[in-house]
Amino acid sequence: MTPTYVTKLLHSDAGYGALILRVPVGLILAAHGAQKLFGWFGGYGLEGTGQWMASIGLAPGYLMALLAGSAEFFGGLALVLGLLTRPAALVSAVTMLVAMFAVHIDNGLFMANNGYEYALTLFAVTLALTFQGAGRVSLDNLLLQRLGNTGYRQPALG
């Protein structure tokens, strides 16, 4: 029998709705992370992103770019696959919260003014995935089945 903490981490009753949230948000996060890490899709890579982050007070800039880019890129890939969804979603949610308050909050809500609406949307989705898990179609679910748990069992009280 799989330890209870592993079961709690991987199990989800979210159904197919989680897949509908995970895949596009994961792709978006991974693409933004690739901009920061590799300079793909018109991004500036670690050097350029690090310089920009340092200029807005997120120092050391290179390390902050590495952390943010890694959280987005690897967290996004994990969300697409539904692998360790809860930790990946939590790290992504924290990253979006930092982006909202460090970059966008002073610009108001709307994206047209570089506001926080987009980061807020990504934060809300990743926070929801943190609580609900990967859903039915996920590597988390497959891994849980392979470990011998087909359903969540609440530990007995007392």
C-alpha atoms as a PDB file:
ATOM      1  CA  MET A   1       0.000   0.000   0.000  1.00  0.00           C
ATOM      2  CA  THR A   2       1.279   3.448  -0.904  1.00  0.00           C
ATOM      3  CA  PRO A   3       1.994   5.817   2.002  1.00  0.00           C
ATOM      4  CA  THR A   4      -0.884   8.168   2.799  1.00  0.00           C
ATOM      5  CA  TYR A   5       1.063  11.345   1.933  1.00  0.00           C
ATOM      6  CA  VAL A   6       1.813  10.005  -1.574  1.00  0.00           C
ATOM      7  CA  THR A   7      -1.839   9.110  -2.035  1.00  0.00           C
ATOM      8  CA  LYS A   8      -2.921  12.584  -0.906  1.00  0.00           C
ATOM      9  CA  LEU A   9      -0.386  14.202  -3.217  1.00  0.00           C
ATOM     10  CA  LEU A  10      -1.366  12.262  -6.340  1.00  0.00           C
ATOM     11  CA  HIS A  11      -5.071  11.490  -5.903  1.00  0.00           C
ATOM     12  CA  SER A  12      -7.687  13.684  -7.553  1.00  0.00           C
ATOM     13  CA  ASP A  13     -11.430  13.417  -8.103  1.00  0.00           C
ATOM     14  CA  ALA A  14     -11.364  16.403 -10.451  1.00  0.00           C
ATOM     15  CA  GLY A  15     -12.354  14.450 -13.561  1.00  0.00           C
ATOM     16  CA  TYR A  16     -11.782  15.879 -17.023  1.00  0.00           C
ATOM     17  CA  GLY A  17     -12.134  19.533 -16.020  1.00  0.00           C
ATOM     18  CA  ALA A  18      -8.614  19.565 -14.607  1.00  0.00           C
ATOM     19  CA  LEU A  19      -7.240  18.420 -17.976  1.00  0.00           C
ATOM     20  CA  ILE A  20      -9.001  21.325 -19.671  1.00  0.00           C
ATOM     21  CA  LEU A  21      -7.319  23.725 -17.233  1.00  0.00           C
ATOM     22  CA  ARG A  22      -3.918  22.014 -17.050  1.00  0.00           C
ATOM     23  CA  VAL A  23      -2.969  21.710 -20.689  1.00  0.00           C
ATOM     24  CA  PRO A  24      -3.406  25.260 -22.022  1.00  0.00           C
ATOM     25  CA  VAL A  25      -2.147  26.894 -18.824  1.00  0.00           C
ATOM     26  CA  GLY A  26       0.808  24.510 -18.731  1.00  0.00           C
ATOM     27  CA  LEU A  27       1.683  25.329 -22.336  1.00  0.00           C
ATOM     28  CA  ILE A  28       1.451  29.063 -21.657  1.00  0.00           C
ATOM     29  CA  LEU A  29       3.638  28.803 -18.564  1.00  0.00           C
ATOM     30  CA  ALA A  30       6.198  26.607 -20.333  1.00  0.00           C
ATOM     31  CA  ALA A  31       6.417  29.057 -23.242  1.00  0.00           C
ATOM     32  CA  HIS A  32       6.957  32.016 -20.892  1.00  0.00           C
ATOM     33  CA  GLY A  33       9.594  30.034 -19.024  1.00  0.00           C
ATOM     34  CA  ALA A  34      11.326  29.185 -22.320  1.00  0.00           C
ATOM     35  CA  GLN A  35      11.485  32.912 -23.095  1.00  0.00           C
ATOM     36  CA  LYS A  36      13.243  33.543 -19.800  1.00  0.00           C
ATOM     37  CA  LEU A  37      15.553  30.512 -19.834  1.00  0.00           C
ATOM     38  CA  PHE A  38      16.421  30.022 -23.496  1.00  0.00           C
ATOM     39  CA  GLY A  39      15.411  33.197 -25.308  1.00  0.00           C
ATOM     40  CA  TRP A  40      12.839  31.256 -27.326  1.00  0.00           C
ATOM     41  CA  PHE A  41       9.652  32.838 -28.717  1.00  0.00           C
ATOM     42  CA  GLY A  42      11.127  36.335 -28.707  1.00  0.00           C
ATOM     43  CA  GLY A  43      12.386  36.175 -25.126  1.00  0.00           C
ATOM     44  CA  TYR A  44      15.604  37.627 -23.759  1.00  0.00           C
ATOM     45  CA  GLY A  45      17.113  34.507 -22.182  1.00  0.00           C
ATOM     46  CA  LEU A  46      18.656  34.389 -18.738  1.00  0.00           C
ATOM     47  CA  GLU A  47      21.056  37.303 -19.229  1.00  0.00           C
ATOM     48  CA  GLY A  48      18.507  39.773 -20.557  1.00  0.00           C
ATOM     49  CA  THR A  49      15.732  38.656 -18.222  1.00  0.00           C
ATOM     50  CA  GLY A  50      18.154  38.745 -15.289  1.00  0.00           C
ATOM     51  CA  GLN A  51      19.187  42.316 -16.101  1.00  0.00           C
ATOM     52  CA  TRP A  52      15.562  43.378 -16.336  1.00  0.00           C
ATOM     53  CA  MET A  53      14.654  41.652 -13.063  1.00  0.00           C
ATOM     54  CA  ALA A  54      17.546  43.351 -11.291  1.00  0.00           C
ATOM     55  CA  SER A  55      16.390  46.703 -12.713  1.00  0.00           C
ATOM     56  CA  ILE A  56      12.972  46.316 -11.073  1.00  0.00           C
ATOM     57  CA  GLY A  57      14.468  45.312  -7.726  1.00  0.00           C
ATOM     58  CA  LEU A  58      14.405  41.515  -7.978  1.00  0.00           C
ATOM     59  CA  ALA A  59      18.036  40.852  -7.153  1.00  0.00           C
ATOM     60  CA  PRO A  60      20.162  39.010  -7.881  1.00  0.00           C
ATOM     61  CA  GLY A  61      18.561  39.274 -11.292  1.00  0.00           C
ATOM     62  CA  TYR A  62      20.187  36.253 -12.918  1.00  0.00           C
ATOM     63  CA  LEU A  63      19.118  33.969 -10.061  1.00  0.00           C
ATOM     64  CA  MET A  64      15.590  35.399 -10.056  1.00  0.00           C
ATOM     65  CA  ALA A  65      15.354  34.858 -13.829  1.00  0.00           C
ATOM     66  CA  LEU A  66      16.587  31.287 -13.385  1.00  0.00           C
ATOM     67  CA  LEU A  67      14.058  30.602 -10.617  1.00  0.00           C
ATOM     68  CA  ALA A  68      11.104  32.235 -12.386  1.00  0.00           C
ATOM     69  CA  GLY A  69      11.985  30.690 -15.748  1.00  0.00           C
ATOM     70  CA  SER A  70      12.441  27.239 -14.231  1.00  0.00           C
ATOM     71  CA  ALA A  71       9.195  27.460 -12.256  1.00  0.00           C
ATOM     72  CA  GLU A  72       7.302  28.432 -15.400  1.00  0.00           C
ATOM     73  CA  PHE A  73       9.027  26.089 -17.858  1.00  0.00           C
ATOM     74  CA  PHE A  74       9.291  22.917 -15.779  1.00  0.00           C
ATOM     75  CA  GLY A  75       6.103  23.630 -13.829  1.00  0.00           C
ATOM     76  CA  GLY A  76       4.255  24.186 -17.097  1.00  0.00           C
ATOM     77  CA  LEU A  77       5.534  20.919 -18.555  1.00  0.00           C
ATOM     78  CA  ALA A  78       4.516  19.094 -15.362  1.00  0.00           C
ATOM     79  CA  LEU A  79       1.022  20.582 -15.608  1.00  0.00           C
ATOM     80  CA  VAL A  80       0.641  19.499 -19.238  1.00  0.00           C
ATOM     81  CA  LEU A  81       1.613  15.956 -18.288  1.00  0.00           C
ATOM     82  CA  GLY A  82      -0.283  15.948 -15.014  1.00  0.00           C
ATOM     83  CA  LEU A  83       2.890  14.883 -13.196  1.00  0.00           C
ATOM     84  CA  LEU A  84       3.282  16.011  -9.591  1.00  0.00           C
ATOM     85  CA  THR A  85       0.534  18.452 -10.397  1.00  0.00           C
ATOM     86  CA  ARG A  86      -0.054  19.845  -6.923  1.00  0.00           C
ATOM     87  CA  PRO A  87       3.566  20.883  -6.265  1.00  0.00           C
ATOM     88  CA  ALA A  88       3.992  22.173  -9.830  1.00  0.00           C
ATOM     89  CA  ALA A  89       0.774  24.174  -9.586  1.00  0.00           C
ATOM     90  CA  LEU A  90       1.720  25.598  -6.181  1.00  0.00           C
ATOM     91  CA  VAL A  91       5.138  26.757  -7.396  1.00  0.00           C
ATOM     92  CA  SER A  92       3.475  28.286 -10.468  1.00  0.00           C
ATOM     93  CA  ALA A  93       0.860  30.043  -8.312  1.00  0.00           C
ATOM     94  CA  VAL A  94       3.565  31.586  -6.113  1.00  0.00           C
ATOM     95  CA  THR A  95       5.471  32.671  -9.227  1.00  0.00           C
ATOM     96  CA  MET A  96       2.344  34.392 -10.598  1.00  0.00           C
ATOM     97  CA  LEU A  97       1.732  36.079  -7.245  1.00  0.00           C
ATOM     98  CA  VAL A  98       5.265  37.505  -7.318  1.00  0.00           C
ATOM     99  CA  ALA A  99       4.763  38.643 -10.925  1.00  0.00           C
ATOM    100  CA  MET A 100       1.512  40.386  -9.993  1.00  0.00           C
ATOM    101  CA  PHE A 101       2.981  42.341  -7.111  1.00  0.00           C
ATOM    102  CA  ALA A 102       6.511  42.929  -8.402  1.00  0.00           C
ATOM    103  CA  VAL A 103       5.641  43.874 -11.981  1.00  0.00           C
ATOM    104  CA  HIS A 104       1.964  44.489 -12.718  1.00  0.00           C
ATOM    105  CA  ILE A 105       0.038  45.753  -9.683  1.00  0.00           C
ATOM    106  CA  ASP A 106       0.863  49.451 -10.133  1.00  0.00           C
ATOM    107  CA  ASN A 107      -0.493  49.335 -13.699  1.00  0.00           C
ATOM    108  CA  GLY A 108      -4.046  48.457 -12.701  1.00  0.00           C
ATOM    109  CA  LEU A 109      -6.090  45.470 -13.765  1.00  0.00           C
ATOM    110  CA  PHE A 110      -6.042  45.534 -17.552  1.00  0.00           C
ATOM    111  CA  MET A 111      -3.380  43.947 -19.756  1.00  0.00           C
ATOM    112  CA  ALA A 112      -3.564  46.862 -22.180  1.00  0.00           C
ATOM    113  CA  ASN A 113      -1.727  48.869 -19.496  1.00  0.00           C
ATOM    114  CA  ASN A 114       0.550  45.952 -18.493  1.00  0.00           C
ATOM    115  CA  GLY A 115      -1.838  45.286 -15.625  1.00  0.00           C
ATOM    116  CA  TYR A 116      -2.235  42.181 -13.520  1.00  0.00           C
ATOM    117  CA  GLU A 117      -5.322  40.532 -15.065  1.00  0.00           C
ATOM    118  CA  TYR A 118      -3.348  37.859 -16.929  1.00  0.00           C
ATOM    119  CA  ALA A 119      -1.135  36.979 -13.962  1.00  0.00           C
ATOM    120  CA  LEU A 120      -4.244  36.918 -11.763  1.00  0.00           C
ATOM    121  CA  THR A 121      -5.942  34.487 -14.139  1.00  0.00           C
ATOM    122  CA  LEU A 122      -2.918  32.181 -14.187  1.00  0.00           C
ATOM    123  CA  PHE A 123      -2.702  32.460 -10.390  1.00  0.00           C
ATOM    124  CA  ALA A 124      -6.355  31.480  -9.984  1.00  0.00           C
ATOM    125  CA  VAL A 125      -6.060  28.451 -12.282  1.00  0.00           C
ATOM    126  CA  THR A 126      -2.832  27.186 -10.741  1.00  0.00           C
ATOM    127  CA  LEU A 127      -4.189  27.680  -7.223  1.00  0.00           C
ATOM    128  CA  ALA A 128      -7.314  25.706  -8.168  1.00  0.00           C
ATOM    129  CA  LEU A 129      -5.111  22.914  -9.560  1.00  0.00           C
ATOM    130  CA  THR A 130      -3.119  22.927  -6.321  1.00  0.00           C
ATOM    131  CA  PHE A 131      -6.297  22.069  -4.433  1.00  0.00           C
ATOM    132  CA  GLN A 132      -8.058  19.775  -6.916  1.00  0.00           C
ATOM    133  CA  GLY A 133      -5.078  17.923  -8.386  1.00  0.00           C
ATOM    134  CA  ALA A 134      -4.484  16.630 -11.887  1.00  0.00           C
ATOM    135  CA  GLY A 135      -7.790  14.920 -12.563  1.00  0.00           C
ATOM    136  CA  ARG A 136      -8.597  11.667 -14.285  1.00  0.00           C
ATOM    137  CA  VAL A 137      -6.320  11.941 -17.333  1.00  0.00           C
ATOM    138  CA  SER A 138      -2.878  12.454 -15.814  1.00  0.00           C
ATOM    139  CA  LEU A 139       0.407  10.798 -15.030  1.00  0.00           C
ATOM    140  CA  ASP A 140      -0.396  11.364 -11.343  1.00  0.00           C
ATOM    141  CA  ASN A 141      -3.440   9.123 -11.701  1.00  0.00           C
ATOM    142  CA  LEU A 142      -1.478   6.520 -13.672  1.00  0.00           C
ATOM    143  CA  LEU A 143       1.322   6.546 -11.108  1.00  0.00           C
ATOM    144  CA  LEU A 144      -1.149   6.129  -8.269  1.00  0.00           C
ATOM    145  CA  GLN A 145      -2.706   3.133 -10.034  1.00  0.00           C
ATOM    146  CA  ARG A 146       0.743   1.597 -10.618  1.00  0.00           C
ATOM    147  CA  LEU A 147       1.518   2.027  -6.922  1.00  0.00           C
ATOM    148  CA  GLY A 148      -1.566  -0.013  -6.124  1.00  0.00           C
ATOM    149  CA  ASN A 149      -4.034   2.673  -5.068  1.00  0.00           C
ATOM    150  CA  THR A 150      -7.140   2.980  -7.173  1.00  0.00           C
ATOM    151  CA  GLY A 151      -8.989   5.247  -4.776  1.00  0.00           C
ATOM    152  CA  TYR A 152      -8.350   7.579  -1.933  1.00  0.00           C
ATOM    153  CA  ARG A 153      -8.638   6.017   1.510  1.00  0.00           C
ATOM    154  CA  GLN A 154      -9.051   8.295   4.466  1.00  0.00           C
ATOM    155  CA  PRO A 155      -6.951   7.065   7.399  1.00  0.00           C
ATOM    156  CA  ALA A 156      -8.979   5.687  10.319  1.00  0.00           C
ATOM    157  CA  LEU A 157      -9.428   8.029  13.260  1.00  0.00           C
ATOM    158  CA  GLY A 158      -8.439   6.952  16.735  1.00  0.00           C
END
